[in-house]
Amino acid sequence: MKTLCRVFVSELSIKDSLSLLILIGIAIISYLMLPTIIGNIEVIGYITTLYNEHRFLYVTGLIFLSSIFVFLTYSLIKVVYIHKFKDYVYRDEMMSKYAEFLKDAKQIWLFAGDLDFLDDSPVQYNLIKQLGSKCKILCERVDKNCKENTVAPIYKSLKDSKVQIRCYPTELNEKICTFRGQIRSCDDAILEHLFMKQDKKTKKFYPFDIDNQFITELIRDKFEDNFKNGINPLITHIVFDLGGVYFDGDFNEDFIKIINKKYQFGIVYIRENKLMLDEELNLGKKTIVQWVQSKINTKLTDSQITDIEDIWSKVWSPNSKMQDLTNRLAKHYTICVASNLDKQNGDMYIENNYLSGFSNNLFLSYKMNCLKPEKDFYNKMIADLSIKPYQILFIDDHEKNITNASSLDIVTIKFSISEGIKTLENKLNNLNINLT
């Protein structure tokens, strides 16, 4: 009955629907008036007179009424025909078929859309989670610019249940985005399938059958190939640290040794286990000149101040290979910066377009008034991006920064530019990040 009602609603044009309503109205009125008409001799006499004296008008009226009746009857037959012989299914009918298909499965290969259908199909959702690692899913990728991502929690829930999920490789996504289906393996080695093709215009699903085990196996093998090359379904934002990750430079070699040699300062700085040069410096409350003066207990001359500021501005600069990598990543992800940084260099990097490839998503300590590895820093970043923490990949060279970010459910990679770009690319590949 539900499907029959839906045929009336979604399959018939407004004209068809109105015709059916009129036909039903005529039938009801005719039924109610039939005894009156039959019992009313005057009505019968009027019809007889019309036939004898105005035959043309009588015949014309009869043809008109007959045409209306035929058209209305045709519309009714159309409804019955569509209901009985349609070769497509609606979305909820498809969900029921797939849920039934999952019940006896020992292993599943699932061609999906964006997985939002699982919100409306709790039976499927639970069966898939029960299969865990025995279920592999290829699905559409979440748009990197999508702030209100309703399917990310579904992805996360399935991954927490050990379900293996990948997004279609970029070159395949457009070709297969309307294809839906499952291949299952039960107790025997035979593969069974349930495939659907969605019509882009009508949004209806058309089932199709492949009566050949060899072809089904080939589709499964193609699934496996694309799964290996698939993309992480959760990561939409990649956040880079600057010094030691995106920037080349060494504070001791490129600053301390230079000013010590030039001015005989004798400043000793050991970075070991330290997260930053100076808290007040990276919060914008102190300049590098003030930091140097605090170390030598002497006020600098005007020429020394100018020279030290110039040397300081040249300590770090973007690594060309990292720039190339971030440019590639920016095609598929929102690229951001999260760095403990002093105001002088931060403003200079922005002015000189050192950070132009980061979509203006700059989380800099002196602007945020907090520092890594404080959790407040990461929470502010998450809130500003308006996404779930597990949609963020954070790359940093310090263990404490990585540890605190991970505790908030942010995905992390520990990396230093000294390890070489290939090391980072390998780590990104292990997370199924798209590098093309």
Protein backbone atom coordinates (compact mmCIF):
# COMPACT_ATOMS: atom_id res chain seq x y z
CA MET A 1 0.00 0.00 0.00
CA LYS A 2 2.89 2.38 0.84
CA THR A 3 4.46 1.81 -2.57
CA LEU A 4 1.11 2.17 -4.36
CA CYS A 5 0.49 5.51 -2.62
CA ARG A 6 3.99 6.62 -3.55
CA VAL A 7 3.26 5.84 -7.21
CA PHE A 8 0.38 8.30 -7.04
CA VAL A 9 2.58 10.93 -5.41
CA SER A 10 5.86 10.64 -7.31
CA GLU A 11 5.12 8.95 -10.63
CA LEU A 12 2.09 10.83 -11.92
CA SER A 13 2.11 14.31 -13.33
CA ILE A 14 -0.19 16.94 -11.83
CA LYS A 15 -2.46 16.43 -14.83
CA ASP A 16 -2.61 12.69 -14.18
CA SER A 17 -3.34 13.20 -10.52
CA LEU A 18 -6.12 15.71 -11.16
CA SER A 19 -7.62 13.36 -13.74
CA LEU A 20 -7.76 10.56 -11.23
CA LEU A 21 -9.36 12.78 -8.63
CA ILE A 22 -12.01 13.87 -11.15
CA LEU A 23 -12.63 10.25 -12.16
CA ILE A 24 -13.08 9.27 -8.54
CA GLY A 25 -15.39 12.26 -8.05
CA ILE A 26 -17.50 11.33 -11.06
CA ALA A 27 -17.75 7.75 -9.85
CA ILE A 28 -18.90 8.83 -6.40
CA ILE A 29 -21.44 11.37 -7.71
CA SER A 30 -22.73 8.88 -10.28
CA TYR A 31 -23.18 6.25 -7.63
CA LEU A 32 -25.07 8.64 -5.36
CA MET A 33 -27.29 10.02 -8.12
CA LEU A 34 -27.93 6.78 -10.04
CA PRO A 35 -31.20 5.94 -8.20
CA THR A 36 -32.42 9.51 -8.69
CA ILE A 37 -31.64 9.54 -12.41
CA ILE A 38 -33.21 6.13 -13.00
CA GLY A 39 -36.31 7.11 -11.03
CA ASN A 40 -36.66 10.54 -12.62
CA ILE A 41 -38.82 10.21 -15.72
CA GLU A 42 -38.30 13.92 -16.55
CA VAL A 43 -34.53 13.42 -16.92
CA ILE A 44 -35.04 10.49 -19.28
CA GLY A 45 -37.54 12.54 -21.27
CA TYR A 46 -35.08 15.46 -21.51
CA ILE A 47 -32.34 13.18 -22.90
CA THR A 48 -34.79 11.73 -25.45
CA THR A 49 -35.87 15.21 -26.57
CA LEU A 50 -32.21 16.32 -26.87
CA TYR A 51 -31.48 13.31 -29.05
CA ASN A 52 -34.49 13.88 -31.35
CA GLU A 53 -34.33 17.67 -31.71
CA HIS A 54 -30.65 18.57 -31.20
CA ARG A 55 -28.82 15.51 -32.43
CA PHE A 56 -25.55 17.35 -33.31
CA LEU A 57 -25.33 18.82 -29.82
CA TYR A 58 -26.17 15.43 -28.33
CA VAL A 59 -23.45 13.62 -30.33
CA THR A 60 -20.86 16.35 -29.61
CA GLY A 61 -21.57 16.19 -25.89
CA LEU A 62 -21.43 12.42 -25.94
CA ILE A 63 -18.01 12.44 -27.67
CA PHE A 64 -16.70 15.05 -25.19
CA LEU A 65 -17.86 13.11 -22.15
CA SER A 66 -16.56 9.84 -23.61
CA SER A 67 -13.13 11.41 -24.26
CA ILE A 68 -12.90 12.61 -20.67
CA PHE A 69 -13.91 9.19 -19.42
CA VAL A 70 -11.35 7.44 -21.66
CA PHE A 71 -8.56 9.79 -20.55
CA LEU A 72 -9.42 9.31 -16.92
CA THR A 73 -9.54 5.55 -17.35
CA TYR A 74 -6.12 5.66 -19.11
CA SER A 75 -4.63 7.50 -16.12
CA LEU A 76 -5.93 4.84 -13.78
CA ILE A 77 -4.48 2.06 -15.95
CA LYS A 78 -1.17 3.95 -15.98
CA VAL A 79 -1.01 3.87 -12.19
CA VAL A 80 -1.70 0.15 -12.09
CA TYR A 81 0.88 -0.52 -14.82
CA ILE A 82 3.63 1.49 -13.11
CA HIS A 83 2.97 -0.20 -9.83
CA LYS A 84 3.05 -3.71 -11.27
CA PHE A 85 5.77 -3.48 -13.91
CA LYS A 86 8.20 -0.76 -12.76
CA ASP A 87 11.82 -1.97 -12.87
CA TYR A 88 13.25 0.36 -10.21
CA VAL A 89 13.11 0.68 -6.45
CA TYR A 90 12.90 3.61 -4.09
CA ARG A 91 15.63 4.44 -1.59
CA ASP A 92 13.98 2.80 1.41
CA GLU A 93 13.15 -0.31 -0.65
CA MET A 94 16.82 -0.51 -1.63
CA MET A 95 17.83 -0.17 2.03
CA SER A 96 15.59 -3.10 2.97
CA LYS A 97 17.05 -5.27 0.22
CA TYR A 98 20.61 -4.50 1.33
CA ALA A 99 19.82 -5.14 4.98
CA GLU A 100 18.41 -8.54 4.07
CA PHE A 101 21.45 -9.23 1.88
CA LEU A 102 23.81 -8.51 4.82
CA LYS A 103 22.23 -10.93 7.26
CA ASP A 104 23.99 -14.13 6.17
CA ALA A 105 27.23 -12.48 5.02
CA LYS A 106 30.60 -13.57 6.41
CA GLN A 107 32.47 -10.98 4.35
CA ILE A 108 31.22 -7.89 2.50
CA TRP A 109 32.59 -5.57 -0.19
CA LEU A 110 30.36 -2.50 -0.28
CA PHE A 111 30.15 0.18 -3.00
CA ALA A 112 28.52 3.08 -1.14
CA GLY A 113 27.61 6.73 -1.55
CA ASP A 114 28.38 9.09 1.30
CA LEU A 115 27.08 6.67 4.01
CA ASP A 116 24.38 9.06 5.19
CA PHE A 117 21.88 6.32 4.32
CA LEU A 118 22.99 4.48 7.46
CA ASP A 119 21.24 7.14 9.54
CA ASP A 120 17.98 5.91 8.01
CA SER A 121 18.89 2.23 8.07
CA PRO A 122 19.87 1.19 11.60
CA VAL A 123 19.57 -2.51 10.69
CA GLN A 124 22.26 -2.13 7.99
CA TYR A 125 24.34 0.06 10.29
CA ASN A 126 24.44 -2.54 13.06
CA LEU A 127 25.06 -5.47 10.71
CA ILE A 128 28.00 -3.65 9.12
CA LYS A 129 29.51 -2.82 12.53
CA GLN A 130 29.10 -6.46 13.59
CA LEU A 131 31.10 -7.57 10.55
CA GLY A 132 33.94 -5.25 11.63
CA SER A 133 37.14 -5.91 9.71
CA LYS A 134 35.29 -8.40 7.49
CA CYS A 135 33.55 -5.44 5.86
CA LYS A 136 35.29 -3.19 3.33
CA ILE A 137 33.59 -0.02 2.14
CA LEU A 138 34.38 2.27 -0.78
CA CYS A 139 32.48 5.54 -0.44
CA GLU A 140 32.39 9.15 -1.55
CA ARG A 141 34.74 11.60 0.11
CA VAL A 142 33.53 14.41 2.34
CA ASP A 143 34.05 17.81 0.74
CA LYS A 144 37.05 19.54 2.32
CA ASN A 145 35.04 22.79 2.45
CA CYS A 146 32.04 21.19 4.16
CA LYS A 147 31.70 22.70 7.65
CA GLU A 148 28.50 20.92 8.66
CA ASN A 149 29.61 17.38 8.01
CA THR A 150 26.84 15.05 9.16
CA VAL A 151 28.47 11.85 7.92
CA ALA A 152 31.85 12.22 9.65
CA PRO A 153 30.51 10.68 12.90
CA ILE A 154 29.25 7.70 10.88
CA TYR A 155 32.70 7.20 9.34
CA LYS A 156 34.29 7.47 12.77
CA SER A 157 31.84 5.01 14.35
CA LEU A 158 32.49 2.43 11.64
CA LYS A 159 36.26 2.84 11.87
CA ASP A 160 36.05 2.41 15.65
CA SER A 161 34.25 -0.89 14.95
CA LYS A 162 37.24 -1.95 12.79
CA VAL A 163 35.26 -1.60 9.55
CA GLN A 164 37.69 -0.87 6.72
CA ILE A 165 36.69 2.30 4.86
CA ARG A 166 38.26 4.11 1.93
CA CYS A 167 37.00 6.81 -0.40
CA TYR A 168 37.07 6.21 -4.14
CA PRO A 169 40.32 7.35 -5.76
CA THR A 170 39.83 10.81 -7.28
CA GLU A 171 39.93 9.61 -10.89
CA LEU A 172 37.24 7.01 -10.16
CA ASN A 173 34.92 9.02 -7.95
CA GLU A 174 32.96 10.76 -10.73
CA LYS A 175 32.64 7.60 -12.81
CA ILE A 176 31.24 5.42 -10.07
CA CYS A 177 29.40 7.87 -7.84
CA THR A 178 25.95 6.63 -8.90
CA PHE A 179 26.82 2.95 -8.54
CA ARG A 180 25.62 1.19 -5.40
CA GLY A 181 26.05 -2.41 -4.49
CA GLN A 182 27.36 -5.18 -2.30
CA ILE A 183 29.26 -8.37 -2.92
CA ARG A 184 29.08 -10.96 -0.18
CA SER A 185 30.73 -14.22 0.69
CA CYS A 186 28.81 -16.64 2.88
CA ASP A 187 29.91 -20.04 4.20
CA ASP A 188 30.98 -21.28 0.77
CA ALA A 189 33.40 -19.68 -1.67
CA ILE A 190 30.62 -18.46 -3.94
CA LEU A 191 30.31 -14.70 -4.33
CA GLU A 192 26.85 -13.17 -4.48
CA HIS A 193 25.95 -9.62 -5.43
CA LEU A 194 23.22 -7.02 -5.20
CA PHE A 195 23.91 -4.07 -7.50
CA MET A 196 21.95 -0.87 -8.10
CA LYS A 197 22.44 2.01 -10.56
CA GLN A 198 20.99 5.40 -9.67
CA ASP A 199 19.43 7.61 -12.30
CA LYS A 200 20.87 11.11 -11.75
CA LYS A 201 17.67 12.86 -12.82
CA THR A 202 14.99 10.80 -11.11
CA LYS A 203 17.19 9.65 -8.19
CA LYS A 204 15.64 6.18 -8.53
CA PHE A 205 17.63 2.95 -8.27
CA TYR A 206 17.60 0.31 -10.95
CA PRO A 207 18.72 -3.20 -9.93
CA PHE A 208 20.76 -5.17 -12.43
CA ASP A 209 21.97 -8.72 -12.37
CA ILE A 210 25.21 -10.32 -13.53
CA ASP A 211 24.58 -14.02 -13.95
CA ASN A 212 28.25 -14.93 -14.07
CA GLN A 213 30.49 -15.82 -11.13
CA PHE A 214 33.65 -14.93 -13.03
CA ILE A 215 32.43 -11.36 -13.70
CA THR A 216 31.44 -10.97 -10.05
CA GLU A 217 34.94 -12.05 -9.01
CA LEU A 218 36.45 -9.53 -11.44
CA ILE A 219 34.36 -6.74 -9.90
CA ARG A 220 35.47 -7.84 -6.43
CA ASP A 221 39.12 -7.82 -7.56
CA LYS A 222 38.66 -4.34 -9.05
CA PHE A 223 37.18 -3.25 -5.75
CA GLU A 224 40.31 -4.49 -3.94
CA ASP A 225 42.58 -2.61 -6.36
CA ASN A 226 40.72 0.64 -5.80
CA PHE A 227 40.54 0.03 -2.07
CA LYS A 228 44.35 -0.11 -1.91
CA ASN A 229 44.49 3.25 -3.71
CA GLY A 230 41.55 4.68 -1.78
CA ILE A 231 41.60 7.87 0.27
CA ASN A 232 41.18 8.39 4.01
CA PRO A 233 37.46 9.18 4.44
CA LEU A 234 37.82 11.37 7.53
CA ILE A 235 40.72 13.77 7.03
CA THR A 236 39.65 17.08 5.48
CA HIS A 237 42.22 19.44 7.09
CA ILE A 238 46.01 19.06 7.35
CA VAL A 239 47.80 21.31 9.85
CA PHE A 240 51.55 21.93 9.65
CA ASP A 241 53.96 23.21 12.25
CA LEU A 242 56.40 25.77 10.81
CA GLY A 243 59.89 25.66 12.36
CA GLY A 244 61.43 22.22 11.83
CA VAL A 245 58.56 20.99 9.64
CA TYR A 246 57.58 23.44 6.89
CA PHE A 247 60.51 25.82 7.39
CA ASP A 248 64.21 25.17 7.04
CA GLY A 249 66.40 26.81 9.66
CA ASP A 250 68.24 26.26 12.91
CA PHE A 251 68.00 28.69 15.80
CA ASN A 252 71.45 27.86 17.18
CA GLU A 253 73.30 27.69 13.87
CA ASP A 254 71.51 30.52 12.06
CA PHE A 255 71.05 32.97 14.92
CA ILE A 256 72.89 32.32 18.20
CA LYS A 257 76.24 31.42 16.62
CA ILE A 258 76.05 34.31 14.18
CA ILE A 259 75.31 37.04 16.74
CA ASN A 260 77.76 35.51 19.25
CA LYS A 261 80.55 35.58 16.68
CA LYS A 262 79.68 39.05 15.42
CA TYR A 263 79.23 40.75 18.81
CA GLN A 264 81.03 38.39 21.20
CA PHE A 265 77.82 37.91 23.25
CA GLY A 266 78.55 34.43 24.60
CA ILE A 267 74.85 33.42 24.66
CA VAL A 268 74.38 29.70 25.33
CA TYR A 269 71.06 28.13 24.29
CA ILE A 270 70.26 24.44 24.54
CA ARG A 271 66.97 23.55 22.80
CA GLU A 272 66.88 19.96 24.08
CA ASN A 273 63.41 19.06 25.40
CA LYS A 274 62.24 22.68 25.02
CA LEU A 275 59.13 23.42 23.01
CA MET A 276 59.87 27.06 22.25
CA LEU A 277 62.47 29.75 22.59
CA ASP A 278 60.57 31.89 25.08
CA GLU A 279 56.91 31.96 26.16
CA GLU A 280 56.56 35.74 26.24
CA LEU A 281 58.31 36.05 22.87
CA ASN A 282 55.87 33.59 21.26
CA LEU A 283 52.89 35.27 22.88
CA GLY A 284 53.88 38.60 21.33
CA LYS A 285 54.74 40.16 24.72
CA LYS A 286 58.46 40.38 24.05
CA THR A 287 60.63 41.06 20.98
CA ILE A 288 63.73 39.16 19.94
CA VAL A 289 65.80 42.23 20.81
CA GLN A 290 64.41 42.20 24.34
CA TRP A 291 65.17 38.47 24.57
CA VAL A 292 68.81 39.03 23.53
CA GLN A 293 69.19 41.92 25.97
CA SER A 294 67.88 39.74 28.80
CA LYS A 295 70.58 37.17 27.99
CA ILE A 296 73.51 39.60 27.84
CA ASN A 297 72.23 42.01 30.54
CA THR A 298 73.18 44.92 28.32
CA LYS A 299 71.17 47.37 26.23
CA LEU A 300 71.82 47.05 22.51
CA THR A 301 72.80 49.97 20.29
CA ASP A 302 70.47 51.13 17.50
CA SER A 303 72.70 49.57 14.84
CA GLN A 304 72.86 46.26 16.77
CA ILE A 305 69.07 46.23 17.11
CA THR A 306 68.59 46.71 13.37
CA ASP A 307 71.19 44.07 12.58
CA ILE A 308 69.80 41.49 15.03
CA GLU A 309 66.25 42.00 13.77
CA ASP A 310 67.50 41.43 10.23
CA ILE A 311 69.38 38.25 11.18
CA TRP A 312 66.34 37.02 13.12
CA SER A 313 64.07 37.50 10.10
CA LYS A 314 66.30 35.22 8.03
CA VAL A 315 66.57 32.27 10.44
CA TRP A 316 63.69 30.31 8.87
CA SER A 317 62.32 30.13 5.35
CA PRO A 318 59.95 27.75 3.52
CA ASN A 319 61.44 24.48 2.29
CA SER A 320 60.84 24.23 -1.47
CA LYS A 321 59.97 20.51 -1.34
CA MET A 322 57.49 21.12 1.47
CA GLN A 323 55.95 23.92 -0.57
CA ASP A 324 55.47 21.51 -3.46
CA LEU A 325 53.91 18.93 -1.14
CA THR A 326 51.47 21.40 0.42
CA ASN A 327 50.49 22.66 -3.05
CA ARG A 328 49.59 19.08 -4.01
CA LEU A 329 47.72 18.51 -0.78
CA ALA A 330 45.80 21.77 -1.15
CA LYS A 331 43.99 20.30 -4.18
CA HIS A 332 42.21 17.86 -1.87
CA TYR A 333 42.49 19.24 1.69
CA THR A 334 42.31 22.50 3.60
CA ILE A 335 45.91 23.27 4.58
CA CYS A 336 46.57 25.10 7.86
CA VAL A 337 49.43 26.27 10.09
CA ALA A 338 49.73 25.82 13.86
CA SER A 339 52.92 27.32 15.25
CA ASN A 340 54.47 28.98 18.29
CA LEU A 341 55.70 32.15 16.66
CA ASP A 342 56.84 35.65 17.64
CA LYS A 343 55.02 38.70 16.30
CA GLN A 344 57.92 40.13 14.28
CA ASN A 345 58.51 37.03 12.21
CA GLY A 346 54.82 36.11 12.08
CA ASP A 347 53.85 39.46 10.57
CA MET A 348 56.83 39.31 8.21
CA TYR A 349 55.95 35.80 6.98
CA ILE A 350 52.39 36.94 6.24
CA GLU A 351 53.54 40.12 4.50
CA ASN A 352 56.08 38.23 2.37
CA ASN A 353 53.49 35.58 1.41
CA TYR A 354 55.47 32.76 3.04
CA LEU A 355 52.13 31.43 4.30
CA SER A 356 49.96 32.17 1.25
CA GLY A 357 49.35 28.48 0.58
CA PHE A 358 47.56 27.89 3.88
CA SER A 359 44.06 29.18 3.04
CA ASN A 360 44.41 31.91 5.72
CA ASN A 361 43.97 29.21 8.36
CA LEU A 362 46.86 30.48 10.48
CA PHE A 363 46.89 29.42 14.12
CA LEU A 364 49.81 31.42 15.46
CA SER A 365 50.55 31.63 19.18
CA TYR A 366 51.02 35.41 19.31
CA LYS A 367 47.61 35.89 17.64
CA MET A 368 45.80 33.21 19.67
CA ASN A 369 47.30 34.30 22.99
CA CYS A 370 48.11 30.68 23.88
CA LEU A 371 50.84 28.18 23.10
CA LYS A 372 51.35 24.63 21.97
CA PRO A 373 51.18 22.12 23.61
CA GLU A 374 48.39 23.65 25.73
CA LYS A 375 45.10 21.91 25.00
CA ASP A 376 43.44 25.32 24.88
CA PHE A 377 45.47 26.02 21.73
CA TYR A 378 44.11 22.91 19.97
CA ASN A 379 40.57 23.44 21.22
CA LYS A 380 40.55 26.97 19.82
CA MET A 381 41.83 25.62 16.50
CA ILE A 382 39.13 22.93 16.38
CA ALA A 383 36.41 25.45 17.24
CA ASP A 384 37.60 27.88 14.59
CA LEU A 385 37.65 25.19 11.89
CA SER A 386 34.17 24.01 12.95
CA ILE A 387 34.94 20.36 12.30
CA LYS A 388 35.44 17.22 14.34
CA PRO A 389 38.97 16.78 15.76
CA TYR A 390 39.38 13.43 13.98
CA GLN A 391 39.02 15.26 10.65
CA ILE A 392 42.32 17.04 11.34
CA LEU A 393 45.78 15.68 10.59
CA PHE A 394 48.43 17.54 12.61
CA ILE A 395 52.13 17.35 11.66
CA ASP A 396 54.70 18.51 14.23
CA ASP A 397 58.28 17.73 15.17
CA HIS A 398 57.88 17.70 18.96
CA GLU A 399 56.58 14.73 20.95
CA LYS A 400 54.72 16.80 23.56
CA ASN A 401 52.80 18.70 20.89
CA ILE A 402 51.86 15.41 19.23
CA THR A 403 50.81 13.76 22.49
CA ASN A 404 48.45 16.54 23.59
CA ALA A 405 46.88 16.83 20.13
CA SER A 406 46.34 13.05 20.00
CA SER A 407 44.61 13.12 23.39
CA LEU A 408 41.94 15.34 21.81
CA ASP A 409 41.32 12.79 19.02
CA ILE A 410 43.33 14.71 16.43
CA VAL A 411 45.20 12.46 13.99
CA THR A 412 48.95 13.15 14.22
CA ILE A 413 52.27 12.58 12.48
CA LYS A 414 55.59 13.25 14.19
CA PHE A 415 58.00 14.54 11.57
CA SER A 416 61.06 16.76 11.24
CA ILE A 417 62.25 18.25 7.94
CA SER A 418 65.67 16.75 8.68
CA GLU A 419 64.12 13.28 8.07
CA GLY A 420 63.52 14.15 4.42
CA ILE A 421 60.35 14.72 2.43
CA LYS A 422 60.08 11.07 1.37
CA THR A 423 59.67 10.04 5.01
CA LEU A 424 56.68 12.35 5.37
CA GLU A 425 55.16 11.17 2.08
CA ASN A 426 55.43 7.57 3.30
CA LYS A 427 53.70 8.48 6.56
CA LEU A 428 50.96 10.28 4.64
CA ASN A 429 50.52 7.27 2.36
CA ASN A 430 50.10 5.04 5.41
CA LEU A 431 47.14 7.23 6.40
CA ASN A 432 45.74 7.05 2.83
CA ILE A 433 46.21 10.77 2.26
CA ASN A 434 45.83 11.82 -1.39
CA LEU A 435 49.22 13.09 -2.63
CA THR A 436 48.40 13.43 -6.34
